[in-house]
Amino acid sequence: MLTLITYAGNEIPCAVVFEQETVRIGRDANNDLAIDDRTLSAQHCVIKARNDIWILSDSDSANGTWLVRRGRAIAADQRDKMELQLVSGDELRLGDSASGARRSGSGVGALPGRHFC
């Protein structure tokens, strides 16, 4: 199970729980997590489960996908086919939006997958 907490613009944080093995994130409403942020690509990035590990990859986005761990930013560069392993507490930087990743239970106020934030 993957919990993402999004911080889009000045809005209240939005927690979403995903139980599926692939989570698509972007501006388009057909994504599993649609974020209303004009700096995101329609299909911005993907998180996939592999052997109980969550892997982040960029979907050739215009403004890039970044993982921030302990203050250090790492680019998930599509040109290099880079994939990054997510751990609890990581922060994703997508355009002007940020999301925090959690691996355990749903937490307070979490919503089931396929959500618009």
PDB file of N, CA and C in Angstrom:
ATOM      1  N   MET A   1       0.843  -1.174   0.000  1.00  0.00           N
ATOM      2  CA  MET A   1       0.000   0.000   0.000  1.00  0.00           C
ATOM      3  C   MET A   1       0.893   1.243   0.000  1.00  0.00           C
ATOM      4  N   LEU A   2       0.498   2.215  -0.805  1.00  0.00           N
ATOM      5  CA  LEU A   2       1.247   3.465  -0.916  1.00  0.00           C
ATOM      6  C   LEU A   2       0.331   4.621  -0.563  1.00  0.00           C
ATOM      7  N   THR A   3       0.783   5.505   0.308  1.00  0.00           N
ATOM      8  CA  THR A   3       0.043   6.718   0.635  1.00  0.00           C
ATOM      9  C   THR A   3       0.834   7.908   0.143  1.00  0.00           C
ATOM     10  N   LEU A   4       0.184   8.754  -0.649  1.00  0.00           N
ATOM     11  CA  LEU A   4       0.794   9.999  -1.106  1.00  0.00           C
ATOM     12  C   LEU A   4       0.022  11.156  -0.506  1.00  0.00           C
ATOM     13  N   ILE A   5       0.752  12.119  -0.001  1.00  0.00           N
ATOM     14  CA  ILE A   5       0.154  13.330   0.549  1.00  0.00           C
ATOM     15  C   ILE A   5       0.586  14.471  -0.350  1.00  0.00           C
ATOM     16  N   THR A   6      -0.360  15.101  -1.028  1.00  0.00           N
ATOM     17  CA  THR A   6      -0.005  16.154  -1.969  1.00  0.00           C
ATOM     18  C   THR A   6      -0.162  17.523  -1.333  1.00  0.00           C
ATOM     19  N   TYR A   7       0.728  18.415  -1.746  1.00  0.00           N
ATOM     20  CA  TYR A   7       0.718  19.808  -1.310  1.00  0.00           C
ATOM     21  C   TYR A   7       0.746  20.646  -2.578  1.00  0.00           C
ATOM     22  N   ALA A   8      -0.405  20.844  -3.196  1.00  0.00           N
ATOM     23  CA  ALA A   8      -0.483  21.579  -4.457  1.00  0.00           C
ATOM     24  C   ALA A   8      -0.810  23.037  -4.176  1.00  0.00           C
ATOM     25  N   GLY A   9       0.103  23.918  -4.507  1.00  0.00           N
ATOM     26  CA  GLY A   9      -0.123  25.341  -4.324  1.00  0.00           C
ATOM     27  C   GLY A   9      -0.394  25.682  -2.867  1.00  0.00           C
ATOM     28  N   ASN A  10      -1.414  26.480  -2.634  1.00  0.00           N
ATOM     29  CA  ASN A  10      -1.769  26.904  -1.281  1.00  0.00           C
ATOM     30  C   ASN A  10      -2.911  26.089  -0.696  1.00  0.00           C
ATOM     31  N   GLU A  11      -3.243  24.963  -1.342  1.00  0.00           N
ATOM     32  CA  GLU A  11      -4.376  24.172  -0.904  1.00  0.00           C
ATOM     33  C   GLU A  11      -4.033  23.330   0.320  1.00  0.00           C
ATOM     34  N   ILE A  12      -5.084  22.835   0.975  1.00  0.00           N
ATOM     35  CA  ILE A  12      -4.920  21.948   2.125  1.00  0.00           C
ATOM     36  C   ILE A  12      -4.329  20.638   1.634  1.00  0.00           C
ATOM     37  N   PRO A  13      -3.374  20.031   2.372  1.00  0.00           N
ATOM     38  CA  PRO A  13      -2.800  18.743   1.952  1.00  0.00           C
ATOM     39  C   PRO A  13      -3.888  17.692   1.730  1.00  0.00           C
ATOM     40  N   CYS A  14      -3.662  16.836   0.758  1.00  0.00           N
ATOM     41  CA  CYS A  14      -4.615  15.807   0.351  1.00  0.00           C
ATOM     42  C   CYS A  14      -3.908  14.451   0.417  1.00  0.00           C
ATOM     43  N   ALA A  15      -4.378  13.545   1.287  1.00  0.00           N
ATOM     44  CA  ALA A  15      -3.770  12.212   1.415  1.00  0.00           C
ATOM     45  C   ALA A  15      -4.587  11.199   0.628  1.00  0.00           C
ATOM     46  N   VAL A  16      -3.898  10.396  -0.192  1.00  0.00           N
ATOM     47  CA  VAL A  16      -4.561   9.392  -1.021  1.00  0.00           C
ATOM     48  C   VAL A  16      -3.828   8.064  -0.858  1.00  0.00           C
ATOM     49  N   VAL A  17      -4.595   6.986  -0.652  1.00  0.00           N
ATOM     50  CA  VAL A  17      -4.035   5.640  -0.490  1.00  0.00           C
ATOM     51  C   VAL A  17      -4.225   4.873  -1.790  1.00  0.00           C
ATOM     52  N   PHE A  18      -3.155   4.215  -2.240  1.00  0.00           N
ATOM     53  CA  PHE A  18      -3.207   3.405  -3.465  1.00  0.00           C
ATOM     54  C   PHE A  18      -2.882   1.959  -3.123  1.00  0.00           C
ATOM     55  N   GLU A  19      -3.724   1.038  -3.584  1.00  0.00           N
ATOM     56  CA  GLU A  19      -3.478  -0.385  -3.375  1.00  0.00           C
ATOM     57  C   GLU A  19      -3.051  -1.075  -4.663  1.00  0.00           C
ATOM     58  N   GLN A  20      -3.224  -0.416  -5.817  1.00  0.00           N
ATOM     59  CA  GLN A  20      -2.823  -1.024  -7.079  1.00  0.00           C
ATOM     60  C   GLN A  20      -1.303  -0.982  -7.239  1.00  0.00           C
ATOM     61  N   GLU A  21      -0.785  -1.735  -8.213  1.00  0.00           N
ATOM     62  CA  GLU A  21       0.663  -1.836  -8.403  1.00  0.00           C
ATOM     63  C   GLU A  21       1.249  -0.712  -9.255  1.00  0.00           C
ATOM     64  N   THR A  22       0.415   0.032  -9.970  1.00  0.00           N
ATOM     65  CA  THR A  22       0.885   1.140 -10.797  1.00  0.00           C
ATOM     66  C   THR A  22       0.045   2.372 -10.489  1.00  0.00           C
ATOM     67  N   VAL A  23       0.729   3.486 -10.191  1.00  0.00           N
ATOM     68  CA  VAL A  23       0.053   4.750  -9.893  1.00  0.00           C
ATOM     69  C   VAL A  23       0.566   5.782 -10.895  1.00  0.00           C
ATOM     70  N   ARG A  24      -0.341   6.298 -11.706  1.00  0.00           N
ATOM     71  CA  ARG A  24       0.007   7.317 -12.690  1.00  0.00           C
ATOM     72  C   ARG A  24      -0.377   8.686 -12.129  1.00  0.00           C
ATOM     73  N   ILE A  25       0.562   9.636 -12.253  1.00  0.00           N
ATOM     74  CA  ILE A  25       0.360  10.973 -11.699  1.00  0.00           C
ATOM     75  C   ILE A  25       0.538  12.007 -12.800  1.00  0.00           C
ATOM     76  N   GLY A  26      -0.329  12.997 -12.811  1.00  0.00           N
ATOM     77  CA  GLY A  26      -0.211  14.075 -13.788  1.00  0.00           C
ATOM     78  C   GLY A  26      -1.395  15.005 -13.722  1.00  0.00           C
ATOM     79  N   ARG A  27      -1.447  15.921 -14.664  1.00  0.00           N
ATOM     80  CA  ARG A  27      -2.499  16.928 -14.717  1.00  0.00           C
ATOM     81  C   ARG A  27      -3.801  16.371 -15.304  1.00  0.00           C
ATOM     82  N   ASP A  28      -3.715  15.379 -16.193  1.00  0.00           N
ATOM     83  CA  ASP A  28      -4.887  14.819 -16.860  1.00  0.00           C
ATOM     84  C   ASP A  28      -5.801  14.087 -15.877  1.00  0.00           C
ATOM     85  N   ALA A  29      -7.098  14.254 -16.031  1.00  0.00           N
ATOM     86  CA  ALA A  29      -8.082  13.646 -15.131  1.00  0.00           C
ATOM     87  C   ALA A  29      -8.081  12.121 -15.181  1.00  0.00           C
ATOM     88  N   ASN A  30      -7.502  11.502 -16.203  1.00  0.00           N
ATOM     89  CA  ASN A  30      -7.466  10.044 -16.313  1.00  0.00           C
ATOM     90  C   ASN A  30      -6.348   9.405 -15.493  1.00  0.00           C
ATOM     91  N   ASN A  31      -5.512  10.202 -14.845  1.00  0.00           N
ATOM     92  CA  ASN A  31      -4.454   9.660 -13.988  1.00  0.00           C
ATOM     93  C   ASN A  31      -5.051   9.131 -12.692  1.00  0.00           C
ATOM     94  N   ASP A  32      -4.307   8.248 -12.022  1.00  0.00           N
ATOM     95  CA  ASP A  32      -4.741   7.758 -10.716  1.00  0.00           C
ATOM     96  C   ASP A  32      -4.716   8.885  -9.692  1.00  0.00           C
ATOM     97  N   LEU A  33      -3.748   9.782  -9.831  1.00  0.00           N
ATOM     98  CA  LEU A  33      -3.695  10.998  -9.011  1.00  0.00           C
ATOM     99  C   LEU A  33      -3.578  12.182  -9.966  1.00  0.00           C
ATOM    100  N   ALA A  34      -4.678  12.914 -10.113  1.00  0.00           N
ATOM    101  CA  ALA A  34      -4.706  14.092 -10.986  1.00  0.00           C
ATOM    102  C   ALA A  34      -4.489  15.329 -10.120  1.00  0.00           C
ATOM    103  N   ILE A  35      -3.457  16.105 -10.452  1.00  0.00           N
ATOM    104  CA  ILE A  35      -3.118  17.301  -9.689  1.00  0.00           C
ATOM    105  C   ILE A  35      -3.325  18.512 -10.583  1.00  0.00           C
ATOM    106  N   ASP A  36      -4.127  19.429 -10.122  1.00  0.00           N
ATOM    107  CA  ASP A  36      -4.449  20.631 -10.879  1.00  0.00           C
ATOM    108  C   ASP A  36      -3.299  21.630 -10.741  1.00  0.00           C
ATOM    109  N   ASP A  37      -2.302  21.464 -11.597  1.00  0.00           N
ATOM    110  CA  ASP A  37      -1.103  22.305 -11.564  1.00  0.00           C
ATOM    111  C   ASP A  37      -0.637  22.453 -13.005  1.00  0.00           C
ATOM    112  N   ARG A  38      -0.702  23.656 -13.550  1.00  0.00           N
ATOM    113  CA  ARG A  38      -0.362  23.870 -14.961  1.00  0.00           C
ATOM    114  C   ARG A  38       1.101  23.552 -15.282  1.00  0.00           C
ATOM    115  N   THR A  39       1.961  23.431 -14.266  1.00  0.00           N
ATOM    116  CA  THR A  39       3.364  23.110 -14.514  1.00  0.00           C
ATOM    117  C   THR A  39       3.604  21.603 -14.626  1.00  0.00           C
ATOM    118  N   LEU A  40       2.564  20.796 -14.369  1.00  0.00           N
ATOM    119  CA  LEU A  40       2.674  19.347 -14.540  1.00  0.00           C
ATOM    120  C   LEU A  40       2.301  18.971 -15.964  1.00  0.00           C
ATOM    121  N   SER A  41       2.917  17.927 -16.465  1.00  0.00           N
ATOM    122  CA  SER A  41       2.526  17.385 -17.758  1.00  0.00           C
ATOM    123  C   SER A  41       1.245  16.574 -17.574  1.00  0.00           C
ATOM    124  N   ALA A  42       0.542  16.328 -18.663  1.00  0.00           N
ATOM    125  CA  ALA A  42      -0.699  15.554 -18.588  1.00  0.00           C
ATOM    126  C   ALA A  42      -0.439  14.182 -17.966  1.00  0.00           C
ATOM    127  N   GLN A  43       0.596  13.496 -18.407  1.00  0.00           N
ATOM    128  CA  GLN A  43       1.071  12.253 -17.806  1.00  0.00           C
ATOM    129  C   GLN A  43       2.491  12.531 -17.324  1.00  0.00           C
ATOM    130  N   HIS A  44       2.635  12.888 -16.061  1.00  0.00           N
ATOM    131  CA  HIS A  44       3.908  13.411 -15.557  1.00  0.00           C
ATOM    132  C   HIS A  44       4.882  12.306 -15.117  1.00  0.00           C
ATOM    133  N   CYS A  45       4.405  11.388 -14.263  1.00  0.00           N
ATOM    134  CA  CYS A  45       5.295  10.325 -13.775  1.00  0.00           C
ATOM    135  C   CYS A  45       4.478   9.101 -13.368  1.00  0.00           C
ATOM    136  N   VAL A  46       5.196   8.007 -13.088  1.00  0.00           N
ATOM    137  CA  VAL A  46       4.569   6.741 -12.709  1.00  0.00           C
ATOM    138  C   VAL A  46       5.316   6.172 -11.512  1.00  0.00           C
ATOM    139  N   ILE A  47       4.555   5.587 -10.587  1.00  0.00           N
ATOM    140  CA  ILE A  47       5.135   4.845  -9.471  1.00  0.00           C
ATOM    141  C   ILE A  47       4.644   3.410  -9.601  1.00  0.00           C
ATOM    142  N   LYS A  48       5.586   2.454  -9.632  1.00  0.00           N
ATOM    143  CA  LYS A  48       5.229   1.038  -9.795  1.00  0.00           C
ATOM    144  C   LYS A  48       5.785   0.222  -8.633  1.00  0.00           C
ATOM    145  N   ALA A  49       5.008  -0.772  -8.231  1.00  0.00           N
ATOM    146  CA  ALA A  49       5.455  -1.709  -7.203  1.00  0.00           C
ATOM    147  C   ALA A  49       6.210  -2.846  -7.879  1.00  0.00           C
ATOM    148  N   ARG A  50       7.386  -3.151  -7.331  1.00  0.00           N
ATOM    149  CA  ARG A  50       8.185  -4.286  -7.800  1.00  0.00           C
ATOM    150  C   ARG A  50       8.745  -5.001  -6.590  1.00  0.00           C
ATOM    151  N   ASN A  51       8.302  -6.214  -6.353  1.00  0.00           N
ATOM    152  CA  ASN A  51       8.815  -7.010  -5.231  1.00  0.00           C
ATOM    153  C   ASN A  51       8.785  -6.230  -3.920  1.00  0.00           C
ATOM    154  N   ASP A  52       7.636  -5.623  -3.616  1.00  0.00           N
ATOM    155  CA  ASP A  52       7.429  -4.868  -2.377  1.00  0.00           C
ATOM    156  C   ASP A  52       8.284  -3.598  -2.285  1.00  0.00           C
ATOM    157  N   ILE A  53       8.735  -3.105  -3.422  1.00  0.00           N
ATOM    158  CA  ILE A  53       9.492  -1.851  -3.495  1.00  0.00           C
ATOM    159  C   ILE A  53       8.747  -0.938  -4.460  1.00  0.00           C
ATOM    160  N   TRP A  54       8.621   0.343  -4.119  1.00  0.00           N
ATOM    161  CA  TRP A  54       7.965   1.318  -4.997  1.00  0.00           C
ATOM    162  C   TRP A  54       9.026   2.050  -5.809  1.00  0.00           C
ATOM    163  N   ILE A  55       8.853   2.068  -7.138  1.00  0.00           N
ATOM    164  CA  ILE A  55       9.819   2.662  -8.066  1.00  0.00           C
ATOM    165  C   ILE A  55       9.176   3.860  -8.770  1.00  0.00           C
ATOM    166  N   LEU A  56       9.854   5.000  -8.736  1.00  0.00           N
ATOM    167  CA  LEU A  56       9.402   6.228  -9.384  1.00  0.00           C
ATOM    168  C   LEU A  56      10.130   6.416 -10.708  1.00  0.00           C
ATOM    169  N   SER A  57       9.380   6.747 -11.764  1.00  0.00           N
ATOM    170  CA  SER A  57      10.001   7.084 -13.039  1.00  0.00           C
ATOM    171  C   SER A  57       9.244   8.239 -13.690  1.00  0.00           C
ATOM    172  N   ASP A  58       9.973   9.076 -14.392  1.00  0.00           N
ATOM    173  CA  ASP A  58       9.399  10.213 -15.092  1.00  0.00           C
ATOM    174  C   ASP A  58       8.771   9.722 -16.392  1.00  0.00           C
ATOM    175  N   SER A  59       7.688  10.352 -16.818  1.00  0.00           N
ATOM    176  CA  SER A  59       7.004   9.974 -18.061  1.00  0.00           C
ATOM    177  C   SER A  59       7.298  10.988 -19.166  1.00  0.00           C
ATOM    178  N   ASP A  60       8.557  11.377 -19.271  1.00  0.00           N
ATOM    179  CA  ASP A  60       8.997  12.361 -20.263  1.00  0.00           C
ATOM    180  C   ASP A  60       8.278  13.698 -20.062  1.00  0.00           C
ATOM    181  N   SER A  61       8.184  14.114 -18.793  1.00  0.00           N
ATOM    182  CA  SER A  61       7.507  15.366 -18.453  1.00  0.00           C
ATOM    183  C   SER A  61       8.319  16.572 -18.910  1.00  0.00           C
ATOM    184  N   ALA A  62       7.626  17.690 -19.095  1.00  0.00           N
ATOM    185  CA  ALA A  62       8.290  18.912 -19.535  1.00  0.00           C
ATOM    186  C   ALA A  62       9.148  19.538 -18.438  1.00  0.00           C
ATOM    187  N   ASN A  63       8.702  19.469 -17.179  1.00  0.00           N
ATOM    188  CA  ASN A  63       9.409  20.145 -16.090  1.00  0.00           C
ATOM    189  C   ASN A  63      10.123  19.216 -15.124  1.00  0.00           C
ATOM    190  N   GLY A  64      10.165  17.938 -15.435  1.00  0.00           N
ATOM    191  CA  GLY A  64      10.952  17.006 -14.632  1.00  0.00           C
ATOM    192  C   GLY A  64      10.263  16.484 -13.389  1.00  0.00           C
ATOM    193  N   THR A  65      10.813  15.387 -12.877  1.00  0.00           N
ATOM    194  CA  THR A  65      10.352  14.727 -11.669  1.00  0.00           C
ATOM    195  C   THR A  65      11.543  14.608 -10.737  1.00  0.00           C
ATOM    196  N   TRP A  66      11.373  15.073  -9.517  1.00  0.00           N
ATOM    197  CA  TRP A  66      12.455  15.071  -8.546  1.00  0.00           C
ATOM    198  C   TRP A  66      12.047  14.323  -7.294  1.00  0.00           C
ATOM    199  N   LEU A  67      12.966  13.591  -6.725  1.00  0.00           N
ATOM    200  CA  LEU A  67      12.775  12.946  -5.439  1.00  0.00           C
ATOM    201  C   LEU A  67      13.700  13.655  -4.456  1.00  0.00           C
ATOM    202  N   VAL A  68      13.149  14.081  -3.326  1.00  0.00           N
ATOM    203  CA  VAL A  68      13.950  14.741  -2.295  1.00  0.00           C
ATOM    204  C   VAL A  68      14.000  13.822  -1.085  1.00  0.00           C
ATOM    205  N   ARG A  69      15.212  13.413  -0.720  1.00  0.00           N
ATOM    206  CA  ARG A  69      15.419  12.533   0.432  1.00  0.00           C
ATOM    207  C   ARG A  69      16.450  13.172   1.344  1.00  0.00           C
ATOM    208  N   ARG A  70      16.032  13.417   2.583  1.00  0.00           N
ATOM    209  CA  ARG A  70      16.907  14.050   3.585  1.00  0.00           C
ATOM    210  C   ARG A  70      17.542  15.328   3.039  1.00  0.00           C
ATOM    211  N   GLY A  71      16.740  16.139   2.328  1.00  0.00           N
ATOM    212  CA  GLY A  71      17.216  17.417   1.828  1.00  0.00           C
ATOM    213  C   GLY A  71      17.982  17.361   0.525  1.00  0.00           C
ATOM    214  N   ARG A  72      18.235  16.170  -0.013  1.00  0.00           N
ATOM    215  CA  ARG A  72      18.996  16.027  -1.260  1.00  0.00           C
ATOM    216  C   ARG A  72      18.045  15.719  -2.414  1.00  0.00           C
ATOM    217  N   ALA A  73      18.056  16.544  -3.461  1.00  0.00           N
ATOM    218  CA  ALA A  73      17.182  16.360  -4.624  1.00  0.00           C
ATOM    219  C   ALA A  73      17.866  15.493  -5.679  1.00  0.00           C
ATOM    220  N   ILE A  74      17.120  14.513  -6.182  1.00  0.00           N
ATOM    221  CA  ILE A  74      17.620  13.595  -7.206  1.00  0.00           C
ATOM    222  C   ILE A  74      16.626  13.622  -8.362  1.00  0.00           C
ATOM    223  N   ALA A  75      17.105  13.834  -9.584  1.00  0.00           N
ATOM    224  CA  ALA A  75      16.221  13.880 -10.754  1.00  0.00           C
ATOM    225  C   ALA A  75      15.948  12.478 -11.267  1.00  0.00           C
ATOM    226  N   ALA A  76      14.682  12.204 -11.568  1.00  0.00           N
ATOM    227  CA  ALA A  76      14.309  10.954 -12.242  1.00  0.00           C
ATOM    228  C   ALA A  76      14.276  11.292 -13.728  1.00  0.00           C
ATOM    229  N   ASP A  77      15.401  11.180 -14.373  1.00  0.00           N
ATOM    230  CA  ASP A  77      15.564  11.643 -15.753  1.00  0.00           C
ATOM    231  C   ASP A  77      15.098  10.581 -16.741  1.00  0.00           C
ATOM    232  N   GLN A  78      14.062  10.905 -17.528  1.00  0.00           N
ATOM    233  CA  GLN A  78      13.519   9.971 -18.503  1.00  0.00           C
ATOM    234  C   GLN A  78      14.524   9.657 -19.602  1.00  0.00           C
ATOM    235  N   ARG A  79      15.348  10.633 -19.965  1.00  0.00           N
ATOM    236  CA  ARG A  79      16.323  10.395 -21.048  1.00  0.00           C
ATOM    237  C   ARG A  79      17.297   9.285 -20.686  1.00  0.00           C
ATOM    238  N   ASP A  80      17.620   9.179 -19.405  1.00  0.00           N
ATOM    239  CA  ASP A  80      18.533   8.121 -18.954  1.00  0.00           C
ATOM    240  C   ASP A  80      17.777   6.899 -18.461  1.00  0.00           C
ATOM    241  N   LYS A  81      16.427   6.903 -18.603  1.00  0.00           N
ATOM    242  CA  LYS A  81      15.573   5.811 -18.122  1.00  0.00           C
ATOM    243  C   LYS A  81      15.813   5.554 -16.638  1.00  0.00           C
ATOM    244  N   MET A  82      16.076   6.625 -15.884  1.00  0.00           N
ATOM    245  CA  MET A  82      16.376   6.496 -14.459  1.00  0.00           C
ATOM    246  C   MET A  82      15.116   6.152 -13.677  1.00  0.00           C
ATOM    247  N   GLU A  83      15.246   5.203 -12.781  1.00  0.00           N
ATOM    248  CA  GLU A  83      14.172   4.825 -11.875  1.00  0.00           C
ATOM    249  C   GLU A  83      14.702   4.978 -10.455  1.00  0.00           C
ATOM    250  N   LEU A  84      13.869   5.543  -9.591  1.00  0.00           N
ATOM    251  CA  LEU A  84      14.287   5.790  -8.219  1.00  0.00           C
ATOM    252  C   LEU A  84      13.405   5.029  -7.249  1.00  0.00           C
ATOM    253  N   GLN A  85      14.019   4.386  -6.267  1.00  0.00           N
ATOM    254  CA  GLN A  85      13.266   3.666  -5.250  1.00  0.00           C
ATOM    255  C   GLN A  85      12.727   4.650  -4.219  1.00  0.00           C
ATOM    256  N   LEU A  86      11.419   4.552  -3.921  1.00  0.00           N
ATOM    257  CA  LEU A  86      10.800   5.407  -2.913  1.00  0.00           C
ATOM    258  C   LEU A  86      10.895   4.752  -1.543  1.00  0.00           C
ATOM    259  N   VAL A  87      11.152   5.566  -0.539  1.00  0.00           N
ATOM    260  CA  VAL A  87      11.096   5.101   0.845  1.00  0.00           C
ATOM    261  C   VAL A  87      10.186   6.061   1.612  1.00  0.00           C
ATOM    262  N   SER A  88       9.642   5.584   2.702  1.00  0.00           N
ATOM    263  CA  SER A  88       8.749   6.396   3.509  1.00  0.00           C
ATOM    264  C   SER A  88       9.451   7.690   3.913  1.00  0.00           C
ATOM    265  N   GLY A  89       8.752   8.800   3.749  1.00  0.00           N
ATOM    266  CA  GLY A  89       9.322  10.096   4.091  1.00  0.00           C
ATOM    267  C   GLY A  89       9.891  10.845   2.903  1.00  0.00           C
ATOM    268  N   ASP A  90      10.041  10.178   1.748  1.00  0.00           N
ATOM    269  CA  ASP A  90      10.532  10.873   0.555  1.00  0.00           C
ATOM    270  C   ASP A  90       9.530  11.928   0.125  1.00  0.00           C
ATOM    271  N   GLU A  91      10.028  12.963  -0.534  1.00  0.00           N
ATOM    272  CA  GLU A  91       9.179  13.996  -1.099  1.00  0.00           C
ATOM    273  C   GLU A  91       9.370  13.995  -2.600  1.00  0.00           C
ATOM    274  N   LEU A  92       8.264  14.098  -3.345  1.00  0.00           N
ATOM    275  CA  LEU A  92       8.318  14.189  -4.799  1.00  0.00           C
ATOM    276  C   LEU A  92       8.082  15.639  -5.182  1.00  0.00           C
ATOM    277  N   ARG A  93       8.882  16.154  -6.093  1.00  0.00           N
ATOM    278  CA  ARG A  93       8.693  17.506  -6.622  1.00  0.00           C
ATOM    279  C   ARG A  93       8.285  17.357  -8.082  1.00  0.00           C
ATOM    280  N   LEU A  94       7.071  17.792  -8.380  1.00  0.00           N
ATOM    281  CA  LEU A  94       6.522  17.685  -9.726  1.00  0.00           C
ATOM    282  C   LEU A  94       6.005  19.064 -10.110  1.00  0.00           C
ATOM    283  N   GLY A  95       6.674  19.732 -11.000  1.00  0.00           N
ATOM    284  CA  GLY A  95       6.268  21.090 -11.346  1.00  0.00           C
ATOM    285  C   GLY A  95       6.322  21.968 -10.110  1.00  0.00           C
ATOM    286  N   ASP A  96       5.236  22.668  -9.808  1.00  0.00           N
ATOM    287  CA  ASP A  96       5.165  23.510  -8.617  1.00  0.00           C
ATOM    288  C   ASP A  96       4.543  22.774  -7.436  1.00  0.00           C
ATOM    289  N   SER A  97       4.261  21.480  -7.592  1.00  0.00           N
ATOM    290  CA  SER A  97       3.602  20.700  -6.547  1.00  0.00           C
ATOM    291  C   SER A  97       4.591  19.786  -5.850  1.00  0.00           C
ATOM    292  N   ALA A  98       4.239  19.411  -4.624  1.00  0.00           N
ATOM    293  CA  ALA A  98       5.054  18.473  -3.857  1.00  0.00           C
ATOM    294  C   ALA A  98       4.146  17.397  -3.298  1.00  0.00           C
ATOM    295  N   SER A  99       4.693  16.183  -3.156  1.00  0.00           N
ATOM    296  CA  SER A  99       3.962  15.074  -2.549  1.00  0.00           C
ATOM    297  C   SER A  99       4.901  14.343  -1.615  1.00  0.00           C
ATOM    298  N   GLY A 100       4.379  13.893  -0.499  1.00  0.00           N
ATOM    299  CA  GLY A 100       5.144  13.075   0.425  1.00  0.00           C
ATOM    300  C   GLY A 100       4.701  11.636   0.306  1.00  0.00           C
ATOM    301  N   ALA A 101       5.625  10.689   0.413  1.00  0.00           N
ATOM    302  CA  ALA A 101       5.308   9.264   0.283  1.00  0.00           C
ATOM    303  C   ALA A 101       5.361   8.586   1.641  1.00  0.00           C
ATOM    304  N   ARG A 102       4.386   7.711   1.883  1.00  0.00           N
ATOM    305  CA  ARG A 102       4.357   6.882   3.079  1.00  0.00           C
ATOM    306  C   ARG A 102       4.037   5.470   2.654  1.00  0.00           C
ATOM    307  N   ARG A 103       4.658   4.483   3.297  1.00  0.00           N
ATOM    308  CA  ARG A 103       4.437   3.103   2.899  1.00  0.00           C
ATOM    309  C   ARG A 103       3.398   2.382   3.733  1.00  0.00           C
ATOM    310  N   SER A 104       3.149   2.797   4.961  1.00  0.00           N
ATOM    311  CA  SER A 104       2.284   2.028   5.840  1.00  0.00           C
ATOM    312  C   SER A 104       0.833   2.434   5.701  1.00  0.00           C
ATOM    313  N   GLY A 105      -0.009   2.018   6.671  1.00  0.00           N
ATOM    314  CA  GLY A 105      -1.456   2.190   6.658  1.00  0.00           C
ATOM    315  C   GLY A 105      -1.988   3.488   6.099  1.00  0.00           C
ATOM    316  N   SER A 106      -3.271   3.580   6.010  1.00  0.00           N
ATOM    317  CA  SER A 106      -3.898   4.684   5.307  1.00  0.00           C
ATOM    318  C   SER A 106      -3.794   6.012   6.043  1.00  0.00           C
ATOM    319  N   GLY A 107      -3.715   6.007   7.353  1.00  0.00           N
ATOM    320  CA  GLY A 107      -3.592   7.257   8.082  1.00  0.00           C
ATOM    321  C   GLY A 107      -4.915   7.993   8.184  1.00  0.00           C
ATOM    322  N   VAL A 108      -4.934   9.026   8.959  1.00  0.00           N
ATOM    323  CA  VAL A 108      -6.156   9.790   9.193  1.00  0.00           C
ATOM    324  C   VAL A 108      -6.503  10.615   7.970  1.00  0.00           C
ATOM    325  N   GLY A 109      -7.751  10.560   7.567  1.00  0.00           N
ATOM    326  CA  GLY A 109      -8.234  11.393   6.475  1.00  0.00           C
ATOM    327  C   GLY A 109      -7.776  10.961   5.099  1.00  0.00           C
ATOM    328  N   ALA A 110      -7.186   9.787   4.960  1.00  0.00           N
ATOM    329  CA  ALA A 110      -6.722   9.340   3.652  1.00  0.00           C
ATOM    330  C   ALA A 110      -7.905   8.886   2.806  1.00  0.00           C
ATOM    331  N   LEU A 111      -7.823   9.122   1.518  1.00  0.00           N
ATOM    332  CA  LEU A 111      -8.884   8.774   0.582  1.00  0.00           C
ATOM    333  C   LEU A 111      -8.444   7.592  -0.266  1.00  0.00           C
ATOM    334  N   PRO A 112      -9.386   6.765  -0.748  1.00  0.00           N
ATOM    335  CA  PRO A 112      -9.005   5.663  -1.617  1.00  0.00           C
ATOM    336  C   PRO A 112      -8.466   6.179  -2.947  1.00  0.00           C
ATOM    337  N   GLY A 113      -7.723   5.339  -3.674  1.00  0.00           N
ATOM    338  CA  GLY A 113      -7.066   5.716  -4.915  1.00  0.00           C
ATOM    339  C   GLY A 113      -7.964   6.364  -5.957  1.00  0.00           C
ATOM    340  N   ARG A 114      -7.354   6.890  -7.022  1.00  0.00           N
ATOM    341  CA  ARG A 114      -7.948   7.669  -8.092  1.00  0.00           C
ATOM    342  C   ARG A 114      -8.648   8.889  -7.518  1.00  0.00           C
ATOM    343  N   HIS A 115      -7.857   9.906  -7.310  1.00  0.00           N
ATOM    344  CA  HIS A 115      -8.360  11.103  -6.669  1.00  0.00           C
ATOM    345  C   HIS A 115      -7.841  12.333  -7.375  1.00  0.00           C
ATOM    346  N   PHE A 116      -8.550  13.407  -7.219  1.00  0.00           N
ATOM    347  CA  PHE A 116      -8.176  14.684  -7.804  1.00  0.00           C
ATOM    348  C   PHE A 116      -7.779  15.635  -6.682  1.00  0.00           C
ATOM    349  N   CYS A 117      -6.576  16.134  -6.728  1.00  0.00           N
ATOM    350  CA  CYS A 117      -6.096  17.056  -5.692  1.00  0.00           C
ATOM    351  C   CYS A 117      -5.754  18.387  -6.315  1.00  0.00           C
TER     352      CYS A 117
END
